[in-house]
Amino acid sequence: MRPVQRGGSPQATDFTDYSDAKGFLVSRLGLYCSYCERRVATNLAVEHIQPKGLPAYEPLEGRWDNFLLGCVNCNSTKKDKDLVLADTLLPDRDNTFAAFDYFADGRIELSALVPLVNRAMAANLLSLVGLDNQISEFLDENGKQVALDRVAQRIEVWGIALEAKRDVDANPGCDAVRLGAVRTAQGHGFFSIWMTVFSGDEDMRNRLIDAFPGTKGSGCFDPVTSQPVQPAPNPDKLQDGSKF
C-alpha cells in the first residue's frame, strides 16, 4: 500500500464541509484510493480515517489530518468501523509499502519482514477495507473473465505492468520507453504492483516514487536505492505515526 504525505492543512480552521477538501487532497495525493491504490477518475471520495459516523469522532468530521481518499469499495467496507490509530498501520503515517507483499494472482499478504509487534496492526489495515477478500469471478458470454473487483483488477494491472517491463528490458537506456511505462502506471494506479514488478530496477522505481503525488514526501523510500525506510519518518508528526 502506497505511503503518502498529505502535508499541512491548506486552511487555518477545520473544513465546514469536508467535501471541500477533495480538490486539495487530489492535488497532493493524486486520483488514487489511499487503500486499494487504484486510480478512480470519478466517485473518489474524501475518506474519514476515524469515521464521522461514530459519536467519539464527530469533532473530526472537518479535520484535515483525518482525511484520506477512498473508492466506493474501500469506503463501503470500512463504513463506521472504529479505528484505533495505535492499533492499525495507516498510509499517511506508517510505511505501509514495506508491510505487504503483492502477488500476480491478486493476493496481498503481510510481508515476512513485518515484526511480530506490528503484524496485528498490518492485518487490521487489510481487514479494515477488505483487501484480504477473495476474488469474485465473473465470466462474460465468451468465457472471458471480467475484472469487476479489486482482486481481479490487481491481476489485470499486474499483466499490464509485466508488458511494460518487457518493453523497458527490450529497450535498455531508452528514456522514452521508461517514461511511457511510468505514464501507464499513473493511468492505472496500483503503485505497489508496479514497484513489485520493477523490483530489480532502481531507476524505474525512483521514477514511480516521483510520479505518484505525495509518495516521495512520505520519506518512506531511500532516495538512491528506492528501498523502504523503516520506521516511516512521519514528516507531518501525526498522532501514533512511525509504528512501522
C-alpha atoms as a PDB file:
ATOM      1  CA  MET A   1       0.000   0.000   0.000  1.00  0.00           C
ATOM      2  CA  ARG A   2       1.432   3.327  -1.078  1.00  0.00           C
ATOM      3  CA  PRO A   3       2.622   5.503   1.832  1.00  0.00           C
ATOM      4  CA  VAL A   4       1.793   9.168   1.385  1.00  0.00           C
ATOM      5  CA  GLN A   5       2.388  12.587   2.867  1.00  0.00           C
ATOM      6  CA  ARG A   6      -0.777  14.673   2.977  1.00  0.00           C
ATOM      7  CA  GLY A   7       1.033  17.747   4.294  1.00  0.00           C
ATOM      8  CA  GLY A   8      -0.369  20.525   6.427  1.00  0.00           C
ATOM      9  CA  SER A   9      -3.917  21.780   6.068  1.00  0.00           C
ATOM     10  CA  PRO A  10      -4.498  24.348   3.320  1.00  0.00           C
ATOM     11  CA  GLN A  11      -6.552  26.421   5.740  1.00  0.00           C
ATOM     12  CA  ALA A  12      -6.244  27.529   9.350  1.00  0.00           C
ATOM     13  CA  THR A  13      -9.552  26.019  10.524  1.00  0.00           C
ATOM     14  CA  ASP A  14     -11.417  22.764  10.056  1.00  0.00           C
ATOM     15  CA  PHE A  15     -13.486  22.354   6.895  1.00  0.00           C
ATOM     16  CA  THR A  16     -17.137  23.261   7.372  1.00  0.00           C
ATOM     17  CA  ASP A  17     -17.996  20.907   4.515  1.00  0.00           C
ATOM     18  CA  TYR A  18     -15.442  18.112   4.382  1.00  0.00           C
ATOM     19  CA  SER A  19     -16.111  17.550   0.661  1.00  0.00           C
ATOM     20  CA  ASP A  20     -14.403  20.910   0.050  1.00  0.00           C
ATOM     21  CA  ALA A  21     -11.112  19.228   0.933  1.00  0.00           C
ATOM     22  CA  LYS A  22     -11.283  16.859  -2.045  1.00  0.00           C
ATOM     23  CA  GLY A  23      -9.526  19.126  -4.525  1.00  0.00           C
ATOM     24  CA  PHE A  24      -6.629  19.728  -2.155  1.00  0.00           C
ATOM     25  CA  LEU A  25      -6.321  16.003  -1.398  1.00  0.00           C
ATOM     26  CA  VAL A  26      -6.331  15.045  -5.071  1.00  0.00           C
ATOM     27  CA  SER A  27      -3.706  17.701  -5.776  1.00  0.00           C
ATOM     28  CA  ARG A  28      -1.438  16.263  -3.097  1.00  0.00           C
ATOM     29  CA  LEU A  29      -2.197  12.520  -3.352  1.00  0.00           C
ATOM     30  CA  GLY A  30      -3.474  12.030  -6.908  1.00  0.00           C
ATOM     31  CA  LEU A  31      -6.687  10.403  -8.124  1.00  0.00           C
ATOM     32  CA  TYR A  32      -5.979   7.176  -6.263  1.00  0.00           C
ATOM     33  CA  CYS A  33      -7.719   5.347  -3.463  1.00  0.00           C
ATOM     34  CA  SER A  34      -5.462   5.639  -0.430  1.00  0.00           C
ATOM     35  CA  TYR A  35      -6.110   1.979   0.423  1.00  0.00           C
ATOM     36  CA  CYS A  36      -6.511  -0.215  -2.670  1.00  0.00           C
ATOM     37  CA  GLU A  37      -4.365   2.167  -4.804  1.00  0.00           C
ATOM     38  CA  ARG A  38      -6.443   2.012  -7.960  1.00  0.00           C
ATOM     39  CA  ARG A  39      -6.990   5.151  -9.995  1.00  0.00           C
ATOM     40  CA  VAL A  40     -10.533   6.451  -9.649  1.00  0.00           C
ATOM     41  CA  ALA A  41     -11.310   9.209 -12.135  1.00  0.00           C
ATOM     42  CA  THR A  42     -14.823   9.754 -10.751  1.00  0.00           C
ATOM     43  CA  ASN A  43     -16.567   8.972  -7.453  1.00  0.00           C
ATOM     44  CA  LEU A  44     -13.365   9.195  -5.430  1.00  0.00           C
ATOM     45  CA  ALA A  45     -14.448  10.431  -2.008  1.00  0.00           C
ATOM     46  CA  VAL A  46     -12.967  12.213   0.971  1.00  0.00           C
ATOM     47  CA  GLU A  47     -12.492   9.352   3.418  1.00  0.00           C
ATOM     48  CA  HIS A  48     -12.529   9.833   7.178  1.00  0.00           C
ATOM     49  CA  ILE A  49      -9.820   7.749   8.815  1.00  0.00           C
ATOM     50  CA  GLN A  50     -11.680   7.757  12.117  1.00  0.00           C
ATOM     51  CA  PRO A  51     -15.316   7.570  10.991  1.00  0.00           C
ATOM     52  CA  LYS A  52     -17.518  10.616  11.309  1.00  0.00           C
ATOM     53  CA  GLY A  53     -20.476   8.288  11.956  1.00  0.00           C
ATOM     54  CA  LEU A  54     -19.230   7.392  15.427  1.00  0.00           C
ATOM     55  CA  PRO A  55     -20.034   9.964  18.144  1.00  0.00           C
ATOM     56  CA  ALA A  56     -16.499   9.854  19.532  1.00  0.00           C
ATOM     57  CA  TYR A  57     -15.112  11.137  16.234  1.00  0.00           C
ATOM     58  CA  GLU A  58     -17.773  13.678  15.281  1.00  0.00           C
ATOM     59  CA  PRO A  59     -15.383  16.571  16.142  1.00  0.00           C
ATOM     60  CA  LEU A  60     -13.027  15.218  13.453  1.00  0.00           C
ATOM     61  CA  GLU A  61     -15.549  15.442  10.604  1.00  0.00           C
ATOM     62  CA  GLY A  62     -13.866  18.514   9.134  1.00  0.00           C
ATOM     63  CA  ARG A  63     -10.314  17.828  10.364  1.00  0.00           C
ATOM     64  CA  TRP A  64      -7.664  17.756   7.634  1.00  0.00           C
ATOM     65  CA  ASP A  65      -5.487  15.196   9.416  1.00  0.00           C
ATOM     66  CA  ASN A  66      -8.452  12.796   9.453  1.00  0.00           C
ATOM     67  CA  PHE A  67      -8.849  12.789   5.654  1.00  0.00           C
ATOM     68  CA  LEU A  68      -7.608  10.394   3.001  1.00  0.00           C
ATOM     69  CA  LEU A  69      -9.152   9.437  -0.360  1.00  0.00           C
ATOM     70  CA  GLY A  70     -11.289   6.327  -0.754  1.00  0.00           C
ATOM     71  CA  CYS A  71     -13.019   4.419  -3.538  1.00  0.00           C
ATOM     72  CA  VAL A  72     -16.582   3.182  -3.143  1.00  0.00           C
ATOM     73  CA  ASN A  73     -15.430  -0.381  -2.363  1.00  0.00           C
ATOM     74  CA  CYS A  74     -12.959   0.523   0.356  1.00  0.00           C
ATOM     75  CA  ASN A  75     -15.354   3.093   1.828  1.00  0.00           C
ATOM     76  CA  SER A  76     -18.320   0.716   1.889  1.00  0.00           C
ATOM     77  CA  THR A  77     -16.219  -1.988   3.544  1.00  0.00           C
ATOM     78  CA  LYS A  78     -14.711   0.362   6.104  1.00  0.00           C
ATOM     79  CA  LYS A  79     -18.046   2.083   6.894  1.00  0.00           C
ATOM     80  CA  ASP A  80     -18.155   3.144  10.560  1.00  0.00           C
ATOM     81  CA  LYS A  81     -15.649   0.637  11.924  1.00  0.00           C
ATOM     82  CA  ASP A  82     -13.890   2.057  14.944  1.00  0.00           C
ATOM     83  CA  LEU A  83     -10.271   2.660  14.034  1.00  0.00           C
ATOM     84  CA  VAL A  84      -7.781   2.966  16.882  1.00  0.00           C
ATOM     85  CA  LEU A  85      -4.753   4.774  15.461  1.00  0.00           C
ATOM     86  CA  ALA A  86      -2.298   2.957  17.709  1.00  0.00           C
ATOM     87  CA  ASP A  87      -3.593  -0.450  16.591  1.00  0.00           C
ATOM     88  CA  THR A  88      -3.647  -0.023  12.806  1.00  0.00           C
ATOM     89  CA  LEU A  89      -0.984   0.794  10.244  1.00  0.00           C
ATOM     90  CA  LEU A  90      -2.022   3.716   8.051  1.00  0.00           C
ATOM     91  CA  PRO A  91      -0.560   5.019   4.766  1.00  0.00           C
ATOM     92  CA  ASP A  92      -0.276   8.617   5.960  1.00  0.00           C
ATOM     93  CA  ARG A  93       1.905   7.788   8.955  1.00  0.00           C
ATOM     94  CA  ASP A  94       3.447   4.296   8.541  1.00  0.00           C
ATOM     95  CA  ASN A  95       5.469   2.558   5.829  1.00  0.00           C
ATOM     96  CA  THR A  96       2.579   0.521   4.510  1.00  0.00           C
ATOM     97  CA  PHE A  97       4.546  -0.364   1.365  1.00  0.00           C
ATOM     98  CA  ALA A  98       7.033  -2.372   3.429  1.00  0.00           C
ATOM     99  CA  ALA A  99       4.240  -4.113   5.339  1.00  0.00           C
ATOM    100  CA  PHE A 100       2.696  -6.046   2.441  1.00  0.00           C
ATOM    101  CA  ASP A 101       3.675  -8.310  -0.439  1.00  0.00           C
ATOM    102  CA  TYR A 102       1.740  -8.214  -3.722  1.00  0.00           C
ATOM    103  CA  PHE A 103       1.388 -11.256  -5.996  1.00  0.00           C
ATOM    104  CA  ALA A 104       0.498 -11.950  -9.615  1.00  0.00           C
ATOM    105  CA  ASP A 105      -2.696 -13.760  -8.605  1.00  0.00           C
ATOM    106  CA  GLY A 106      -4.041 -10.630  -6.913  1.00  0.00           C
ATOM    107  CA  ARG A 107      -3.222 -11.616  -3.344  1.00  0.00           C
ATOM    108  CA  ILE A 108      -1.951  -9.160  -0.764  1.00  0.00           C
ATOM    109  CA  GLU A 109      -0.205 -10.720   2.223  1.00  0.00           C
ATOM    110  CA  LEU A 110       1.709  -9.498   5.226  1.00  0.00           C
ATOM    111  CA  SER A 111       5.405  -9.298   4.476  1.00  0.00           C
ATOM    112  CA  ALA A 112       7.578 -11.809   6.302  1.00  0.00           C
ATOM    113  CA  LEU A 113       9.741  -8.834   7.304  1.00  0.00           C
ATOM    114  CA  VAL A 114       6.993  -7.313   9.465  1.00  0.00           C
ATOM    115  CA  PRO A 115       7.978  -7.798  13.136  1.00  0.00           C
ATOM    116  CA  LEU A 116       5.599  -9.657  15.413  1.00  0.00           C
ATOM    117  CA  VAL A 117       4.720  -6.435  17.245  1.00  0.00           C
ATOM    118  CA  ASN A 118       3.403  -4.905  14.001  1.00  0.00           C
ATOM    119  CA  ARG A 119       1.696  -7.915  12.393  1.00  0.00           C
ATOM    120  CA  ALA A 120      -1.671  -7.413  14.054  1.00  0.00           C
ATOM    121  CA  MET A 121      -1.580  -3.721  13.048  1.00  0.00           C
ATOM    122  CA  ALA A 122      -0.939  -4.656   9.410  1.00  0.00           C
ATOM    123  CA  ALA A 123      -3.661  -7.316   9.444  1.00  0.00           C
ATOM    124  CA  ASN A 124      -6.077  -4.781  10.907  1.00  0.00           C
ATOM    125  CA  LEU A 125      -5.479  -2.493   7.928  1.00  0.00           C
ATOM    126  CA  LEU A 126      -6.152  -5.235   5.386  1.00  0.00           C
ATOM    127  CA  SER A 127      -9.397  -6.313   7.033  1.00  0.00           C
ATOM    128  CA  LEU A 128     -10.484  -2.712   7.639  1.00  0.00           C
ATOM    129  CA  VAL A 129     -11.049  -2.132   3.920  1.00  0.00           C
ATOM    130  CA  GLY A 130     -11.411  -5.748   2.773  1.00  0.00           C
ATOM    131  CA  LEU A 131      -8.137  -6.066   0.893  1.00  0.00           C
ATOM    132  CA  ASP A 132      -7.852  -9.621   2.186  1.00  0.00           C
ATOM    133  CA  ASN A 133     -11.083 -10.626   0.394  1.00  0.00           C
ATOM    134  CA  GLN A 134     -11.103 -13.405  -2.201  1.00  0.00           C
ATOM    135  CA  ILE A 135     -11.647 -12.763  -5.902  1.00  0.00           C
ATOM    136  CA  SER A 136     -15.210 -12.556  -7.213  1.00  0.00           C
ATOM    137  CA  GLU A 137     -15.068 -14.366 -10.550  1.00  0.00           C
ATOM    138  CA  PHE A 138     -17.287 -13.275 -13.428  1.00  0.00           C
ATOM    139  CA  LEU A 139     -17.120 -14.657 -16.951  1.00  0.00           C
ATOM    140  CA  ASP A 140     -18.788 -12.966 -19.910  1.00  0.00           C
ATOM    141  CA  GLU A 141     -20.687 -14.814 -22.669  1.00  0.00           C
ATOM    142  CA  ASN A 142     -17.374 -15.672 -24.339  1.00  0.00           C
ATOM    143  CA  GLY A 143     -15.870 -17.149 -21.189  1.00  0.00           C
ATOM    144  CA  LYS A 144     -13.561 -14.197 -20.652  1.00  0.00           C
ATOM    145  CA  GLN A 145     -13.010 -13.161 -17.056  1.00  0.00           C
ATOM    146  CA  VAL A 146     -14.099  -9.592 -16.366  1.00  0.00           C
ATOM    147  CA  ALA A 147     -12.200  -7.606 -13.732  1.00  0.00           C
ATOM    148  CA  LEU A 148     -15.046  -6.425 -11.520  1.00  0.00           C
ATOM    149  CA  ASP A 149     -13.498  -6.431  -8.060  1.00  0.00           C
ATOM    150  CA  ARG A 150     -10.248  -5.159  -6.641  1.00  0.00           C
ATOM    151  CA  VAL A 151      -8.550  -8.566  -6.725  1.00  0.00           C
ATOM    152  CA  ALA A 152      -9.316  -9.086 -10.400  1.00  0.00           C
ATOM    153  CA  GLN A 153      -8.189  -5.557 -11.176  1.00  0.00           C
ATOM    154  CA  ARG A 154      -4.876  -6.192  -9.430  1.00  0.00           C
ATOM    155  CA  ILE A 155      -4.387  -9.279 -11.606  1.00  0.00           C
ATOM    156  CA  GLU A 156      -5.184  -7.269 -14.727  1.00  0.00           C
ATOM    157  CA  VAL A 157      -2.769  -4.451 -13.848  1.00  0.00           C
ATOM    158  CA  TRP A 158      -0.047  -6.944 -12.951  1.00  0.00           C
ATOM    159  CA  GLY A 159      -0.217  -8.181 -16.547  1.00  0.00           C
ATOM    160  CA  ILE A 160      -0.043  -4.625 -17.871  1.00  0.00           C
ATOM    161  CA  ALA A 161       2.970  -3.905 -15.669  1.00  0.00           C
ATOM    162  CA  LEU A 162       4.717  -7.048 -16.938  1.00  0.00           C
ATOM    163  CA  GLU A 163       4.188  -5.913 -20.531  1.00  0.00           C
ATOM    164  CA  ALA A 164       5.662  -2.531 -19.674  1.00  0.00           C
ATOM    165  CA  LYS A 165       8.649  -4.197 -18.025  1.00  0.00           C
ATOM    166  CA  ARG A 166       9.269  -6.301 -21.129  1.00  0.00           C
ATOM    167  CA  ASP A 167       9.311  -3.134 -23.209  1.00  0.00           C
ATOM    168  CA  VAL A 168      11.722  -1.465 -20.792  1.00  0.00           C
ATOM    169  CA  ASP A 169      14.012  -4.507 -20.719  1.00  0.00           C
ATOM    170  CA  ALA A 170      13.968  -4.745 -24.509  1.00  0.00           C
ATOM    171  CA  ASN A 171      14.997  -1.095 -24.843  1.00  0.00           C
ATOM    172  CA  PRO A 172      17.736  -0.531 -22.271  1.00  0.00           C
ATOM    173  CA  GLY A 173      18.662   3.094 -21.868  1.00  0.00           C
ATOM    174  CA  CYS A 174      15.637   4.381 -23.783  1.00  0.00           C
ATOM    175  CA  ASP A 175      14.217   7.178 -21.667  1.00  0.00           C
ATOM    176  CA  ALA A 176      11.042   7.458 -23.766  1.00  0.00           C
ATOM    177  CA  VAL A 177      10.097   3.835 -23.074  1.00  0.00           C
ATOM    178  CA  ARG A 178      10.665   4.309 -19.358  1.00  0.00           C
ATOM    179  CA  LEU A 179       8.601   7.476 -19.377  1.00  0.00           C
ATOM    180  CA  GLY A 180       5.837   5.631 -21.212  1.00  0.00           C
ATOM    181  CA  ALA A 181       5.833   2.895 -18.582  1.00  0.00           C
ATOM    182  CA  VAL A 182       5.528   5.459 -15.794  1.00  0.00           C
ATOM    183  CA  ARG A 183       2.630   7.164 -17.552  1.00  0.00           C
ATOM    184  CA  THR A 184       0.890   3.824 -17.957  1.00  0.00           C
ATOM    185  CA  ALA A 185       1.342   3.212 -14.241  1.00  0.00           C
ATOM    186  CA  GLN A 186      -0.137   6.617 -13.443  1.00  0.00           C
ATOM    187  CA  GLY A 187      -3.107   5.851 -15.671  1.00  0.00           C
ATOM    188  CA  HIS A 188      -3.949   2.587 -13.923  1.00  0.00           C
ATOM    189  CA  GLY A 189      -2.793   3.107 -10.353  1.00  0.00           C
ATOM    190  CA  PHE A 190      -1.836   0.179  -8.116  1.00  0.00           C
ATOM    191  CA  PHE A 191       1.525   1.696  -7.217  1.00  0.00           C
ATOM    192  CA  SER A 192       2.674  -1.305  -5.172  1.00  0.00           C
ATOM    193  CA  ILE A 193       2.171  -3.687  -8.094  1.00  0.00           C
ATOM    194  CA  TRP A 194       4.366  -1.564 -10.346  1.00  0.00           C
ATOM    195  CA  MET A 195       7.008  -1.291  -7.637  1.00  0.00           C
ATOM    196  CA  THR A 196       6.962  -5.059  -7.199  1.00  0.00           C
ATOM    197  CA  VAL A 197       7.162  -5.869 -10.910  1.00  0.00           C
ATOM    198  CA  PHE A 198      10.086  -3.445 -11.272  1.00  0.00           C
ATOM    199  CA  SER A 199      11.731  -4.636  -8.048  1.00  0.00           C
ATOM    200  CA  GLY A 200      15.155  -5.007  -9.676  1.00  0.00           C
ATOM    201  CA  ASP A 201      15.181  -1.657 -11.446  1.00  0.00           C
ATOM    202  CA  GLU A 202      16.126   1.220  -9.118  1.00  0.00           C
ATOM    203  CA  ASP A 203      15.726   3.833 -11.829  1.00  0.00           C
ATOM    204  CA  MET A 204      12.156   2.799 -12.657  1.00  0.00           C
ATOM    205  CA  ARG A 205      11.197   2.521  -9.013  1.00  0.00           C
ATOM    206  CA  ASN A 206      12.517   6.008  -8.292  1.00  0.00           C
ATOM    207  CA  ARG A 207      10.604   7.323 -11.297  1.00  0.00           C
ATOM    208  CA  LEU A 208       7.424   5.739  -9.923  1.00  0.00           C
ATOM    209  CA  ILE A 209       8.030   7.208  -6.468  1.00  0.00           C
ATOM    210  CA  ASP A 210       8.454  10.640  -8.062  1.00  0.00           C
ATOM    211  CA  ALA A 211       5.419  10.255 -10.340  1.00  0.00           C
ATOM    212  CA  PHE A 212       2.777   9.365  -7.762  1.00  0.00           C
ATOM    213  CA  PRO A 213       1.900  12.527  -5.790  1.00  0.00           C
ATOM    214  CA  GLY A 214       2.676  12.532  -2.086  1.00  0.00           C
ATOM    215  CA  THR A 215       4.821   9.388  -2.186  1.00  0.00           C
ATOM    216  CA  LYS A 216       8.316  10.846  -2.176  1.00  0.00           C
ATOM    217  CA  GLY A 217       7.360  13.317   0.538  1.00  0.00           C
ATOM    218  CA  SER A 218       6.439  10.481   2.875  1.00  0.00           C
ATOM    219  CA  GLY A 219      10.153   9.749   3.285  1.00  0.00           C
ATOM    220  CA  CYS A 220       9.387   6.031   3.211  1.00  0.00           C
ATOM    221  CA  PHE A 221      11.851   5.255   0.397  1.00  0.00           C
ATOM    222  CA  ASP A 222      15.605   5.675   0.228  1.00  0.00           C
ATOM    223  CA  PRO A 223      16.198   8.398  -2.404  1.00  0.00           C
ATOM    224  CA  VAL A 224      19.026   6.418  -4.033  1.00  0.00           C
ATOM    225  CA  THR A 225      18.155   2.735  -3.738  1.00  0.00           C
ATOM    226  CA  SER A 226      14.332   3.119  -3.627  1.00  0.00           C
ATOM    227  CA  GLN A 227      14.274   0.610  -0.782  1.00  0.00           C
ATOM    228  CA  PRO A 228      11.717   1.077   2.027  1.00  0.00           C
ATOM    229  CA  VAL A 229      12.759   3.111   5.058  1.00  0.00           C
ATOM    230  CA  GLN A 230      11.616   1.776   8.419  1.00  0.00           C
ATOM    231  CA  PRO A 231      10.112   3.085  10.526  1.00  0.00           C
ATOM    232  CA  ALA A 232       8.294   5.708   8.491  1.00  0.00           C
ATOM    233  CA  PRO A 233       9.691   9.195   9.206  1.00  0.00           C
ATOM    234  CA  ASN A 234       6.149  10.580   9.654  1.00  0.00           C
ATOM    235  CA  PRO A 235       7.165  14.064   8.444  1.00  0.00           C
ATOM    236  CA  ASP A 236       3.797  15.599   9.404  1.00  0.00           C
ATOM    237  CA  LYS A 237       4.236  14.368  13.000  1.00  0.00           C
ATOM    238  CA  LEU A 238       0.821  12.693  13.019  1.00  0.00           C
ATOM    239  CA  GLN A 239      -0.549  11.000  16.121  1.00  0.00           C
ATOM    240  CA  ASP A 240       0.595   7.371  16.517  1.00  0.00           C
ATOM    241  CA  GLY A 241       2.849   7.605  13.459  1.00  0.00           C
ATOM    242  CA  SER A 242       6.096   5.736  12.777  1.00  0.00           C
ATOM    243  CA  LYS A 243       4.698   2.476  14.159  1.00  0.00           C
ATOM    244  CA  PHE A 244       6.353   0.697  11.240  1.00  0.00           C
END
